C-alpha atoms as a PDB file:
ATOM      1  CA  MET A   1      33.836  93.540  60.728  1.00  0.00           C
ATOM      2  CA  SER A   2      32.204  90.252  61.555  1.00  0.00           C
ATOM      3  CA  THR A   3      32.526  86.801  60.136  1.00  0.00           C
ATOM      4  CA  ALA A   4      29.759  84.299  59.523  1.00  0.00           C
ATOM      5  CA  SER A   5      29.721  81.213  61.676  1.00  0.00           C
ATOM      6  CA  THR A   6      28.865  78.895  58.790  1.00  0.00           C
ATOM      7  CA  PRO A   7      31.343  75.979  58.805  1.00  0.00           C
ATOM      8  CA  GLY A   8      33.740  75.897  55.845  1.00  0.00           C
ATOM      9  CA  VAL A   9      33.154  79.564  54.901  1.00  0.00           C
ATOM     10  CA  VAL A  10      35.030  82.654  56.014  1.00  0.00           C
ATOM     11  CA  ARG A  11      33.362  86.034  55.435  1.00  0.00           C
ATOM     12  CA  ASP A  12      35.944  88.398  53.967  1.00  0.00           C
ATOM     13  CA  ALA A  13      35.311  92.087  54.532  1.00  0.00           C
ATOM     14  CA  VAL A  14      36.029  93.043  50.950  1.00  0.00           C
ATOM     15  CA  ASP A  15      35.660  90.044  48.686  1.00  0.00           C
ATOM     16  CA  GLY A  16      32.760  88.300  50.389  1.00  0.00           C
ATOM     17  CA  PRO A  17      32.682  84.603  51.283  1.00  0.00           C
ATOM     18  CA  VAL A  18      35.833  82.568  50.699  1.00  0.00           C
ATOM     19  CA  LYS A  19      35.729  78.775  50.614  1.00  0.00           C
ATOM     20  CA  THR A  20      38.040  77.005  53.018  1.00  0.00           C
ATOM     21  CA  GLY A  21      39.306  73.486  53.425  1.00  0.00           C
ATOM     22  CA  PRO A  22      39.972  71.456  56.580  1.00  0.00           C
ATOM     23  CA  SER A  23      43.225  73.299  57.219  1.00  0.00           C
ATOM     24  CA  GLY A  24      42.497  76.783  55.925  1.00  0.00           C
ATOM     25  CA  PRO A  25      41.586  78.522  52.691  1.00  0.00           C
ATOM     26  CA  ALA A  26      41.403  76.300  49.630  1.00  0.00           C
ATOM     27  CA  PRO A  27      44.186  76.898  47.108  1.00  0.00           C
ATOM     28  CA  ALA A  28      43.359  78.990  44.082  1.00  0.00           C
ATOM     29  CA  THR A  29      42.892  77.119  40.833  1.00  0.00           C
ATOM     30  CA  SER A  30      44.006  79.891  38.485  1.00  0.00           C
ATOM     31  CA  GLY A  31      47.640  78.949  39.032  1.00  0.00           C
ATOM     32  CA  THR A  32      46.885  75.352  38.077  1.00  0.00           C
ATOM     33  CA  ARG A  33      45.083  76.483  34.930  1.00  0.00           C
ATOM     34  CA  THR A  34      48.085  78.523  33.806  1.00  0.00           C
ATOM     35  CA  ALA A  35      50.792  76.106  35.003  1.00  0.00           C
ATOM     36  CA  TYR A  36      49.993  73.264  32.602  1.00  0.00           C
ATOM     37  CA  PRO A  37      50.095  75.406  29.413  1.00  0.00           C
ATOM     38  CA  LEU A  38      53.442  76.787  30.588  1.00  0.00           C
ATOM     39  CA  TYR A  39      54.617  73.238  31.262  1.00  0.00           C
ATOM     40  CA  VAL A  40      53.604  72.164  27.736  1.00  0.00           C
ATOM     41  CA  ALA A  41      55.210  75.241  26.177  1.00  0.00           C
ATOM     42  CA  GLY A  42      58.451  74.547  28.027  1.00  0.00           C
ATOM     43  CA  LYS A  43      58.530  70.939  26.841  1.00  0.00           C
ATOM     44  CA  LEU A  44      57.783  71.955  23.235  1.00  0.00           C
ATOM     45  CA  GLY A  45      60.541  74.557  23.366  1.00  0.00           C
ATOM     46  CA  GLY A  46      62.981  72.002  24.717  1.00  0.00           C
ATOM     47  CA  ALA A  47      62.059  69.577  21.918  1.00  0.00           C
ATOM     48  CA  VAL A  48      62.685  72.249  19.263  1.00  0.00           C
ATOM     49  CA  VAL A  49      66.077  73.127  20.764  1.00  0.00           C
ATOM     50  CA  SER A  50      66.985  69.425  20.898  1.00  0.00           C
ATOM     51  CA  LEU A  51      66.048  68.965  17.257  1.00  0.00           C
ATOM     52  CA  LEU A  52      68.198  71.928  16.217  1.00  0.00           C
ATOM     53  CA  ALA A  53      71.074  70.445  18.232  1.00  0.00           C
ATOM     54  CA  VAL A  54      70.554  67.159  16.367  1.00  0.00           C
ATOM     55  CA  LEU A  55      70.840  68.944  13.017  1.00  0.00           C
ATOM     56  CA  VAL A  56      74.133  70.520  14.056  1.00  0.00           C
ATOM     57  CA  THR A  57      75.470  67.285  15.514  1.00  0.00           C
ATOM     58  CA  SER A  58      74.470  65.174  12.513  1.00  0.00           C
ATOM     59  CA  PHE A  59      76.375  67.473  10.151  1.00  0.00           C
ATOM     60  CA  PHE A  60      79.677  67.682  12.017  1.00  0.00           C
ATOM     61  CA  LEU A  61      79.690  64.221  13.620  1.00  0.00           C
ATOM     62  CA  PHE A  62      79.853  62.238  10.393  1.00  0.00           C
ATOM     63  CA  ARG A  63      82.445  64.508   8.805  1.00  0.00           C
ATOM     64  CA  ILE A  64      85.055  63.204  11.205  1.00  0.00           C
ATOM     65  CA  ILE A  65      84.608  59.677   9.794  1.00  0.00           C
ATOM     66  CA  PRO A  66      87.819  58.761   7.956  1.00  0.00           C
ATOM     67  CA  GLY A  67      87.507  58.231   4.239  1.00  0.00           C
ATOM     68  CA  ASP A  68      86.685  60.122   1.074  1.00  0.00           C
ATOM     69  CA  PRO A  69      83.082  59.532  -0.105  1.00  0.00           C
ATOM     70  CA  VAL A  70      83.975  60.259  -3.741  1.00  0.00           C
ATOM     71  CA  LYS A  71      86.913  57.842  -3.771  1.00  0.00           C
ATOM     72  CA  ALA A  72      84.798  55.217  -2.041  1.00  0.00           C
ATOM     73  CA  MET A  73      82.099  55.527  -4.701  1.00  0.00           C
ATOM     74  CA  THR A  74      84.629  55.167  -7.514  1.00  0.00           C
ATOM     75  CA  HIS A  75      86.578  52.374  -5.834  1.00  0.00           C
ATOM     76  CA  GLY A  76      87.859  49.934  -8.428  1.00  0.00           C
ATOM     77  CA  VAL A  77      86.957  52.224 -11.340  1.00  0.00           C
ATOM     78  CA  PRO A  78      89.764  54.120 -13.087  1.00  0.00           C
ATOM     79  CA  THR A  79      89.005  57.797 -12.408  1.00  0.00           C
ATOM     80  CA  SER A  80      91.078  60.838 -13.243  1.00  0.00           C
ATOM     81  CA  ALA A  81      91.661  63.770 -10.899  1.00  0.00           C
ATOM     82  CA  GLU A  82      89.413  65.932 -13.086  1.00  0.00           C
ATOM     83  CA  GLN A  83      86.573  63.420 -12.785  1.00  0.00           C
ATOM     84  CA  LEU A  84      86.997  63.284  -9.003  1.00  0.00           C
ATOM     85  CA  ALA A  85      86.877  67.078  -8.875  1.00  0.00           C
ATOM     86  CA  THR A  86      83.716  67.069 -10.982  1.00  0.00           C
ATOM     87  CA  LEU A  87      82.047  64.593  -8.631  1.00  0.00           C
ATOM     88  CA  ARG A  88      83.020  66.664  -5.578  1.00  0.00           C
ATOM     89  CA  LYS A  89      81.530  69.736  -7.212  1.00  0.00           C
ATOM     90  CA  GLN A  90      78.376  67.812  -8.121  1.00  0.00           C
ATOM     91  CA  PHE A  91      77.860  66.739  -4.496  1.00  0.00           C
ATOM     92  CA  GLY A  92      78.859  70.122  -3.078  1.00  0.00           C
ATOM     93  CA  LEU A  93      81.926  68.738  -1.329  1.00  0.00           C
ATOM     94  CA  ASP A  94      84.137  71.460  -2.818  1.00  0.00           C
ATOM     95  CA  LEU A  95      82.302  74.215  -0.933  1.00  0.00           C
ATOM     96  CA  PRO A  96      83.601  75.663   2.348  1.00  0.00           C
ATOM     97  CA  LEU A  97      82.415  73.744   5.403  1.00  0.00           C
ATOM     98  CA  TRP A  98      80.302  76.629   6.716  1.00  0.00           C
ATOM     99  CA  GLN A  99      78.485  76.883   3.385  1.00  0.00           C
ATOM    100  CA  GLN A 100      77.861  73.141   3.307  1.00  0.00           C
ATOM    101  CA  PHE A 101      76.419  73.450   6.807  1.00  0.00           C
ATOM    102  CA  THR A 102      74.068  76.345   6.027  1.00  0.00           C
ATOM    103  CA  ASP A 103      72.863  74.612   2.851  1.00  0.00           C
ATOM    104  CA  TYR A 104      72.256  71.389   4.785  1.00  0.00           C
ATOM    105  CA  VAL A 105      70.306  73.068   7.604  1.00  0.00           C
ATOM    106  CA  GLY A 106      68.260  75.148   5.177  1.00  0.00           C
ATOM    107  CA  ARG A 107      67.244  72.083   3.173  1.00  0.00           C
ATOM    108  CA  ALA A 108      66.597  69.967   6.267  1.00  0.00           C
ATOM    109  CA  LEU A 109      64.215  72.560   7.725  1.00  0.00           C
ATOM    110  CA  THR A 110      62.139  72.284   4.537  1.00  0.00           C
ATOM    111  CA  GLY A 111      62.145  68.466   4.663  1.00  0.00           C
ATOM    112  CA  ASP A 112      64.828  67.961   2.011  1.00  0.00           C
ATOM    113  CA  LEU A 113      67.461  65.572   3.429  1.00  0.00           C
ATOM    114  CA  GLY A 114      69.585  65.591   0.280  1.00  0.00           C
ATOM    115  CA  THR A 115      70.498  62.961  -2.305  1.00  0.00           C
ATOM    116  CA  SER A 116      72.312  59.726  -1.516  1.00  0.00           C
ATOM    117  CA  TYR A 117      75.811  59.421  -2.976  1.00  0.00           C
ATOM    118  CA  GLN A 118      75.685  55.670  -3.585  1.00  0.00           C
ATOM    119  CA  PHE A 119      72.016  55.183  -4.492  1.00  0.00           C
ATOM    120  CA  HIS A 120      71.603  58.475  -6.433  1.00  0.00           C
ATOM    121  CA  ALA A 121      68.117  58.875  -4.980  1.00  0.00           C
ATOM    122  CA  PRO A 122      66.527  61.323  -2.517  1.00  0.00           C
ATOM    123  CA  VAL A 123      67.276  60.342   1.078  1.00  0.00           C
ATOM    124  CA  GLY A 124      63.630  60.843   2.046  1.00  0.00           C
ATOM    125  CA  GLU A 125      62.500  58.296  -0.540  1.00  0.00           C
ATOM    126  CA  LEU A 126      65.068  55.735   0.607  1.00  0.00           C
ATOM    127  CA  ILE A 127      63.964  56.134   4.227  1.00  0.00           C
ATOM    128  CA  ALA A 128      60.282  55.850   3.278  1.00  0.00           C
ATOM    129  CA  GLU A 129      61.047  52.671   1.332  1.00  0.00           C
ATOM    130  CA  LYS A 130      62.828  50.938   4.222  1.00  0.00           C
ATOM    131  CA  LEU A 131      60.721  52.293   7.089  1.00  0.00           C
ATOM    132  CA  PRO A 132      57.818  49.765   6.883  1.00  0.00           C
ATOM    133  CA  ALA A 133      60.153  46.784   7.403  1.00  0.00           C
ATOM    134  CA  THR A 134      61.718  48.430  10.458  1.00  0.00           C
ATOM    135  CA  LEU A 135      58.337  49.416  11.917  1.00  0.00           C
ATOM    136  CA  LEU A 136      57.092  45.859  11.500  1.00  0.00           C
ATOM    137  CA  LEU A 137      60.092  44.205  13.134  1.00  0.00           C
ATOM    138  CA  THR A 138      60.791  46.567  16.018  1.00  0.00           C
ATOM    139  CA  GLY A 139      57.128  47.493  16.524  1.00  0.00           C
ATOM    140  CA  VAL A 140      56.172  43.883  17.202  1.00  0.00           C
ATOM    141  CA  ALA A 141      59.219  43.429  19.439  1.00  0.00           C
ATOM    142  CA  VAL A 142      58.556  46.595  21.477  1.00  0.00           C
ATOM    143  CA  VAL A 143      54.905  45.678  22.123  1.00  0.00           C
ATOM    144  CA  ILE A 144      55.879  42.177  23.264  1.00  0.00           C
ATOM    145  CA  TYR A 145      58.809  43.067  25.517  1.00  0.00           C
ATOM    146  CA  SER A 146      57.113  46.125  27.038  1.00  0.00           C
ATOM    147  CA  ALA A 147      54.070  44.089  28.072  1.00  0.00           C
ATOM    148  CA  LEU A 148      56.217  41.163  29.241  1.00  0.00           C
ATOM    149  CA  GLY A 149      58.598  43.402  31.185  1.00  0.00           C
ATOM    150  CA  LEU A 150      55.794  45.323  32.920  1.00  0.00           C
ATOM    151  CA  TRP A 151      53.992  42.128  33.915  1.00  0.00           C
ATOM    152  CA  LEU A 152      57.039  40.241  35.177  1.00  0.00           C
ATOM    153  CA  GLY A 153      58.512  43.347  36.836  1.00  0.00           C
ATOM    154  CA  THR A 154      55.299  43.950  38.762  1.00  0.00           C
ATOM    155  CA  ARG A 155      55.037  40.353  39.945  1.00  0.00           C
ATOM    156  CA  SER A 156      58.715  40.189  40.905  1.00  0.00           C
ATOM    157  CA  ALA A 157      58.531  43.360  43.016  1.00  0.00           C
ATOM    158  CA  TRP A 158      55.281  42.324  44.694  1.00  0.00           C
ATOM    159  CA  ARG A 159      56.846  38.978  45.619  1.00  0.00           C
ATOM    160  CA  ASN A 160      60.217  40.453  46.492  1.00  0.00           C
ATOM    161  CA  GLY A 161      62.704  37.834  47.700  1.00  0.00           C
ATOM    162  CA  SER A 162      60.715  34.852  46.501  1.00  0.00           C
ATOM    163  CA  LEU A 163      62.147  32.134  44.265  1.00  0.00           C
ATOM    164  CA  SER A 164      60.345  33.507  41.205  1.00  0.00           C
ATOM    165  CA  ASP A 165      61.670  37.009  41.923  1.00  0.00           C
ATOM    166  CA  ARG A 166      65.248  35.801  42.177  1.00  0.00           C
ATOM    167  CA  LEU A 167      64.876  33.705  39.027  1.00  0.00           C
ATOM    168  CA  ASN A 168      63.287  36.536  36.991  1.00  0.00           C
ATOM    169  CA  THR A 169      65.861  39.060  38.175  1.00  0.00           C
ATOM    170  CA  GLY A 170      68.788  36.740  37.480  1.00  0.00           C
ATOM    171  CA  VAL A 171      67.609  35.954  33.949  1.00  0.00           C
ATOM    172  CA  ALA A 172      66.893  39.633  33.262  1.00  0.00           C
ATOM    173  CA  LEU A 173      70.327  40.756  34.460  1.00  0.00           C
ATOM    174  CA  THR A 174      71.980  38.108  32.316  1.00  0.00           C
ATOM    175  CA  LEU A 175      70.058  39.001  29.157  1.00  0.00           C
ATOM    176  CA  TRP A 176      70.499  42.747  29.720  1.00  0.00           C
ATOM    177  CA  SER A 177      74.276  42.277  29.714  1.00  0.00           C
ATOM    178  CA  VAL A 178      74.319  40.168  26.538  1.00  0.00           C
ATOM    179  CA  PRO A 179      75.208  42.021  23.296  1.00  0.00           C
ATOM    180  CA  SER A 180      72.258  41.801  20.923  1.00  0.00           C
ATOM    181  CA  PHE A 181      74.409  40.890  17.896  1.00  0.00           C
ATOM    182  CA  TRP A 182      76.027  38.022  19.824  1.00  0.00           C
ATOM    183  CA  LEU A 183      72.659  36.677  20.916  1.00  0.00           C
ATOM    184  CA  GLY A 184      71.392  36.954  17.345  1.00  0.00           C
ATOM    185  CA  LEU A 185      74.361  35.007  15.993  1.00  0.00           C
ATOM    186  CA  LEU A 186      73.845  32.366  18.688  1.00  0.00           C
ATOM    187  CA  LEU A 187      70.184  31.959  17.721  1.00  0.00           C
ATOM    188  CA  ILE A 188      71.170  31.621  14.056  1.00  0.00           C
ATOM    189  CA  ILE A 189      73.689  28.886  14.894  1.00  0.00           C
ATOM    190  CA  VAL A 190      71.225  26.940  17.046  1.00  0.00           C
ATOM    191  CA  PHE A 191      67.885  27.436  15.278  1.00  0.00           C
ATOM    192  CA  SER A 192      68.831  28.253  11.673  1.00  0.00           C
ATOM    193  CA  VAL A 193      71.926  26.202  10.960  1.00  0.00           C
ATOM    194  CA  GLY A 194      71.053  23.546  13.536  1.00  0.00           C
ATOM    195  CA  LEU A 195      73.077  22.276  16.454  1.00  0.00           C
ATOM    196  CA  GLY A 196      73.230  18.621  17.435  1.00  0.00           C
ATOM    197  CA  PRO A 197      69.710  17.205  17.677  1.00  0.00           C
ATOM    198  CA  ILE A 198      68.171  20.651  17.044  1.00  0.00           C
ATOM    199  CA  PRO A 199      67.329  21.006  13.326  1.00  0.00           C
ATOM    200  CA  GLY A 200      67.449  24.270  11.424  1.00  0.00           C
ATOM    201  CA  LEU A 201      63.924  25.594  11.834  1.00  0.00           C
ATOM    202  CA  PHE A 202      64.158  29.238  10.738  1.00  0.00           C
ATOM    203  CA  PRO A 203      65.773  31.205   7.898  1.00  0.00           C
ATOM    204  CA  THR A 204      69.203  32.697   8.509  1.00  0.00           C
ATOM    205  CA  GLY A 205      68.174  36.145   7.305  1.00  0.00           C
ATOM    206  CA  GLY A 206      66.061  38.296   5.059  1.00  0.00           C
ATOM    207  CA  MET A 207      62.401  39.238   5.286  1.00  0.00           C
ATOM    208  CA  GLU A 208      60.833  36.849   2.779  1.00  0.00           C
ATOM    209  CA  SER A 209      61.599  33.898   0.542  1.00  0.00           C
ATOM    210  CA  GLY A 210      60.104  35.576  -2.520  1.00  0.00           C
ATOM    211  CA  ASP A 211      57.996  32.622  -3.677  1.00  0.00           C
ATOM    212  CA  SER A 212      54.690  33.217  -1.877  1.00  0.00           C
ATOM    213  CA  SER A 213      51.708  35.557  -2.006  1.00  0.00           C
ATOM    214  CA  GLY A 214      48.544  36.314  -0.068  1.00  0.00           C
ATOM    215  CA  PHE A 215      48.255  34.640   3.321  1.00  0.00           C
ATOM    216  CA  GLY A 216      51.271  32.498   2.492  1.00  0.00           C
ATOM    217  CA  TYR A 217      53.322  35.677   2.215  1.00  0.00           C
ATOM    218  CA  VAL A 218      52.174  36.758   5.689  1.00  0.00           C
ATOM    219  CA  LEU A 219      53.236  33.397   7.127  1.00  0.00           C
ATOM    220  CA  ASP A 220      56.553  33.606   5.291  1.00  0.00           C
ATOM    221  CA  VAL A 221      57.324  37.064   6.737  1.00  0.00           C
ATOM    222  CA  ALA A 222      56.276  35.906  10.215  1.00  0.00           C
ATOM    223  CA  HIS A 223      58.580  32.895   9.842  1.00  0.00           C
ATOM    224  CA  HIS A 224      61.508  35.189   9.012  1.00  0.00           C
ATOM    225  CA  MET A 225      60.648  37.478  11.936  1.00  0.00           C
ATOM    226  CA  VAL A 226      60.835  34.861  14.685  1.00  0.00           C
ATOM    227  CA  LEU A 227      64.578  34.986  15.415  1.00  0.00           C
ATOM    228  CA  PRO A 228      65.154  38.763  15.097  1.00  0.00           C
ATOM    229  CA  VAL A 229      62.070  39.483  17.195  1.00  0.00           C
ATOM    230  CA  ALA A 230      63.175  36.934  19.794  1.00  0.00           C
ATOM    231  CA  THR A 231      66.577  38.667  19.958  1.00  0.00           C
ATOM    232  CA  LEU A 232      65.059  42.109  20.487  1.00  0.00           C
ATOM    233  CA  VAL A 233      62.534  40.817  23.032  1.00  0.00           C
ATOM    234  CA  ALA A 234      65.170  38.959  25.066  1.00  0.00           C
ATOM    235  CA  VAL A 235      67.287  42.089  25.485  1.00  0.00           C
ATOM    236  CA  GLY A 236      64.441  44.632  25.734  1.00  0.00           C
ATOM    237  CA  TYR A 237      62.167  42.915  28.242  1.00  0.00           C
ATOM    238  CA  ALA A 238      65.015  42.592  30.742  1.00  0.00           C
ATOM    239  CA  GLN A 239      65.515  46.347  30.957  1.00  0.00           C
ATOM    240  CA  THR A 240      61.794  47.019  31.325  1.00  0.00           C
ATOM    241  CA  LEU A 241      61.443  44.357  34.019  1.00  0.00           C
ATOM    242  CA  LEU A 242      64.300  45.729  36.125  1.00  0.00           C
ATOM    243  CA  VAL A 243      63.092  49.336  35.932  1.00  0.00           C
ATOM    244  CA  MET A 244      59.489  48.402  36.778  1.00  0.00           C
ATOM    245  CA  ARG A 245      60.616  46.192  39.647  1.00  0.00           C
ATOM    246  CA  SER A 246      62.827  48.904  41.141  1.00  0.00           C
ATOM    247  CA  SER A 247      60.133  51.567  40.810  1.00  0.00           C
ATOM    248  CA  LEU A 248      57.450  49.400  42.417  1.00  0.00           C
ATOM    249  CA  LEU A 249      59.747  48.439  45.294  1.00  0.00           C
ATOM    250  CA  ASP A 250      60.157  52.151  46.078  1.00  0.00           C
ATOM    251  CA  GLU A 251      56.368  52.498  46.320  1.00  0.00           C
ATOM    252  CA  MET A 252      55.667  49.420  48.422  1.00  0.00           C
ATOM    253  CA  GLY A 253      56.590  51.077  51.704  1.00  0.00           C
ATOM    254  CA  GLY A 254      54.139  53.945  51.213  1.00  0.00           C
ATOM    255  CA  ASP A 255      51.575  54.726  53.902  1.00  0.00           C
ATOM    256  CA  TYR A 256      48.817  54.945  51.302  1.00  0.00           C
ATOM    257  CA  LEU A 257      49.178  51.201  50.625  1.00  0.00           C
ATOM    258  CA  THR A 258      48.823  50.455  54.336  1.00  0.00           C
ATOM    259  CA  THR A 259      45.697  52.629  54.381  1.00  0.00           C
ATOM    260  CA  ALA A 260      44.288  50.809  51.353  1.00  0.00           C
ATOM    261  CA  ARG A 261      44.825  47.446  53.016  1.00  0.00           C
ATOM    262  CA  ALA A 262      43.285  48.756  56.227  1.00  0.00           C
ATOM    263  CA  LYS A 263      40.132  49.562  54.269  1.00  0.00           C
ATOM    264  CA  GLY A 264      39.825  45.876  53.472  1.00  0.00           C
ATOM    265  CA  LEU A 265      40.952  45.935  49.838  1.00  0.00           C
ATOM    266  CA  ARG A 266      42.334  42.697  48.480  1.00  0.00           C
ATOM    267  CA  ASP A 267      46.073  42.569  47.891  1.00  0.00           C
ATOM    268  CA  ASP A 268      45.537  42.250  44.149  1.00  0.00           C
ATOM    269  CA  LEU A 269      43.427  45.432  44.088  1.00  0.00           C
ATOM    270  CA  VAL A 270      45.976  47.310  46.192  1.00  0.00           C
ATOM    271  CA  ARG A 271      48.649  46.410  43.678  1.00  0.00           C
ATOM    272  CA  ARG A 272      46.667  47.213  40.524  1.00  0.00           C
ATOM    273  CA  ARG A 273      44.765  50.327  41.679  1.00  0.00           C
ATOM    274  CA  HIS A 274      47.284  52.003  43.951  1.00  0.00           C
ATOM    275  CA  ALA A 275      50.865  50.724  43.759  1.00  0.00           C
ATOM    276  CA  VAL A 276      51.308  50.113  40.035  1.00  0.00           C
ATOM    277  CA  PRO A 277      49.908  53.476  38.778  1.00  0.00           C
ATOM    278  CA  ASN A 278      52.274  55.349  41.100  1.00  0.00           C
ATOM    279  CA  ALA A 279      55.230  53.232  39.986  1.00  0.00           C
ATOM    280  CA  LEU A 280      54.602  53.732  36.284  1.00  0.00           C
ATOM    281  CA  LEU A 281      56.288  57.113  35.762  1.00  0.00           C
ATOM    282  CA  PRO A 282      59.874  55.830  35.266  1.00  0.00           C
ATOM    283  CA  THR A 283      58.620  52.874  33.259  1.00  0.00           C
ATOM    284  CA  VAL A 284      56.449  55.088  31.041  1.00  0.00           C
ATOM    285  CA  THR A 285      59.585  57.003  30.085  1.00  0.00           C
ATOM    286  CA  MET A 286      61.265  53.763  29.091  1.00  0.00           C
ATOM    287  CA  VAL A 287      58.236  52.558  27.130  1.00  0.00           C
ATOM    288  CA  PHE A 288      58.116  55.796  25.136  1.00  0.00           C
ATOM    289  CA  ILE A 289      61.869  55.630  24.523  1.00  0.00           C
ATOM    290  CA  ASN A 290      61.367  52.077  23.272  1.00  0.00           C
ATOM    291  CA  LEU A 291      58.670  53.378  20.943  1.00  0.00           C
ATOM    292  CA  GLY A 292      61.247  55.849  19.652  1.00  0.00           C
ATOM    293  CA  HIS A 293      63.439  52.866  18.854  1.00  0.00           C
ATOM    294  CA  VAL A 294      60.651  51.572  16.598  1.00  0.00           C
ATOM    295  CA  ALA A 295      61.673  54.157  13.999  1.00  0.00           C
ATOM    296  CA  ALA A 296      65.375  53.804  14.697  1.00  0.00           C
ATOM    297  CA  GLY A 297      65.254  50.056  14.552  1.00  0.00           C
ATOM    298  CA  SER A 298      68.232  48.028  15.691  1.00  0.00           C
ATOM    299  CA  ILE A 299      71.280  48.459  13.491  1.00  0.00           C
ATOM    300  CA  LEU A 300      73.087  45.424  14.868  1.00  0.00           C
ATOM    301  CA  VAL A 301      70.120  43.047  14.817  1.00  0.00           C
ATOM    302  CA  GLU A 302      68.978  44.125  11.354  1.00  0.00           C
ATOM    303  CA  THR A 303      72.523  43.710  10.059  1.00  0.00           C
ATOM    304  CA  VAL A 304      72.989  40.260  11.616  1.00  0.00           C
ATOM    305  CA  PHE A 305      69.684  38.987  10.194  1.00  0.00           C
ATOM    306  CA  SER A 306      69.972  40.901   6.877  1.00  0.00           C
ATOM    307  CA  TRP A 307      66.642  42.569   7.602  1.00  0.00           C
ATOM    308  CA  PRO A 308      65.867  45.158   4.879  1.00  0.00           C
ATOM    309  CA  GLY A 309      65.114  48.053   7.240  1.00  0.00           C
ATOM    310  CA  LEU A 310      66.602  51.368   8.306  1.00  0.00           C
ATOM    311  CA  GLY A 311      69.217  49.712  10.498  1.00  0.00           C
ATOM    312  CA  GLY A 312      70.715  47.838   7.564  1.00  0.00           C
ATOM    313  CA  LEU A 313      70.482  50.967   5.420  1.00  0.00           C
ATOM    314  CA  PHE A 314      72.388  52.934   8.060  1.00  0.00           C
ATOM    315  CA  TYR A 315      75.121  50.304   8.097  1.00  0.00           C
ATOM    316  CA  GLN A 316      75.415  50.504   4.299  1.00  0.00           C
ATOM    317  CA  ALA A 317      75.588  54.298   4.431  1.00  0.00           C
ATOM    318  CA  LEU A 318      78.346  54.256   7.060  1.00  0.00           C
ATOM    319  CA  SER A 319      80.507  51.934   4.983  1.00  0.00           C
ATOM    320  CA  VAL A 320      80.929  54.507   2.172  1.00  0.00           C
ATOM    321  CA  PRO A 321      80.429  57.001   4.010  1.00  0.00           C
ATOM    322  CA  ASP A 322      77.281  58.274   2.310  1.00  0.00           C
ATOM    323  CA  LEU A 323      77.050  61.593   4.186  1.00  0.00           C
ATOM    324  CA  PRO A 324      73.531  62.724   3.150  1.00  0.00           C
ATOM    325  CA  LEU A 325      72.095  59.299   3.947  1.00  0.00           C
ATOM    326  CA  VAL A 326      73.759  58.875   7.349  1.00  0.00           C
ATOM    327  CA  GLN A 327      72.816  62.451   8.255  1.00  0.00           C
ATOM    328  CA  GLY A 328      69.205  61.926   7.217  1.00  0.00           C
ATOM    329  CA  LEU A 329      68.917  58.638   9.088  1.00  0.00           C
ATOM    330  CA  PHE A 330      70.529  60.154  12.179  1.00  0.00           C
ATOM    331  CA  VAL A 331      67.998  63.009  12.125  1.00  0.00           C
ATOM    332  CA  VAL A 332      65.109  60.539  11.749  1.00  0.00           C
ATOM    333  CA  PHE A 333      66.385  58.328  14.574  1.00  0.00           C
ATOM    334  CA  ALA A 334      67.028  61.224  16.949  1.00  0.00           C
ATOM    335  CA  GLY A 335      63.812  62.994  15.945  1.00  0.00           C
ATOM    336  CA  ALA A 336      61.793  59.897  16.803  1.00  0.00           C
ATOM    337  CA  MET A 337      63.412  59.774  20.243  1.00  0.00           C
ATOM    338  CA  ILE A 338      62.765  63.485  20.844  1.00  0.00           C
ATOM    339  CA  LEU A 339      59.123  63.081  19.822  1.00  0.00           C
ATOM    340  CA  MET A 340      58.600  60.087  22.100  1.00  0.00           C
ATOM    341  CA  ASN A 341      60.228  61.872  25.041  1.00  0.00           C
ATOM    342  CA  LEU A 342      57.946  64.843  24.418  1.00  0.00           C
ATOM    343  CA  LEU A 343      54.867  62.597  24.371  1.00  0.00           C
ATOM    344  CA  ALA A 344      56.031  60.955  27.610  1.00  0.00           C
ATOM    345  CA  ASP A 345      56.372  64.378  29.272  1.00  0.00           C
ATOM    346  CA  LEU A 346      52.883  65.356  28.099  1.00  0.00           C
ATOM    347  CA  PHE A 347      51.489  62.016  29.305  1.00  0.00           C
ATOM    348  CA  TYR A 348      52.918  62.350  32.828  1.00  0.00           C
ATOM    349  CA  PRO A 349      50.161  64.659  34.182  1.00  0.00           C
ATOM    350  CA  LEU A 350      47.575  61.995  33.339  1.00  0.00           C
ATOM    351  CA  LEU A 351      49.338  59.577  35.703  1.00  0.00           C
ATOM    352  CA  ASP A 352      50.352  62.114  38.337  1.00  0.00           C
ATOM    353  CA  PRO A 353      48.387  65.421  38.427  1.00  0.00           C
ATOM    354  CA  ARG A 354      51.178  66.982  40.469  1.00  0.00           C
ATOM    355  CA  VAL A 355      53.382  67.013  37.370  1.00  0.00           C
ATOM    356  CA  GLY A 356      53.017  70.231  35.426  1.00  0.00           C
ATOM    357  CA  ARG A 357      51.675  72.329  38.293  1.00  0.00           C
END
């Protein structure tokens, strides 16, 4: 057998010409074509298993909360033992635990999250009613602190050790360690009640004043959003900044950046085109997790500012405890996180083609 002398091609005795690269035969692409679908299938399977685990956890977790839901609902109202037994039967609390569990899972898989004990309304309707307020508040906050954290984290890492880096890192570490409810209360004291020469500029809570319409209503809602959004941004941006800074610092010693500079690229282009895209993977995970928090909201912040969203609803449900409502909200919160993690995993190959192969 003989081989052709054409550069880059090896003549195989059976299969004919085979393309080669600089260091031997080029890798086959069939494995790459099959690897990504398997990668996606694995991630989808993991998401389904996680969701089933959430259903199991949500049922048993809240049944260890001390208190009797029926007695809590009838608190202060004279109720006989027969009436309490009737209420337990009405809500299915007299059934064996295993039967309650199978009924709950069966309904949840069809989208029925049950009926609230205290509001006497379908849990799905209550969640749908409160969801827009939560999406508005946390959605605005997540967009602001994700963009702010990415920008400041990139600049801090690129100017590692400078005065601005030390200042940004110090402020971020401080804010990251501050409890969000404490910061919210502090902002209310200073900017709502007023402190010394600082007058009360913003409402202490709620979403609207109730006496405006049209564009005035939009301004009124925005006015009520300032302090809760500022609280969420102050805590959220710090985490994003620190993760982005750490990830970019790991990339800055790479040989590919030295090569890019050797080609004559400006430092700004080296950072934006080469360093930042490679440092985004850990931060992308955090951004998607933050997007999952958009649905979950912030229980503490919404409670402190009396924001009429899912966080406040969850707090009300826990105080009873309203088992169907807390279970339904827990499933929604966890499901949003699972979905965002799944989207992050599917987005990874767009940033790094090596992922999923």
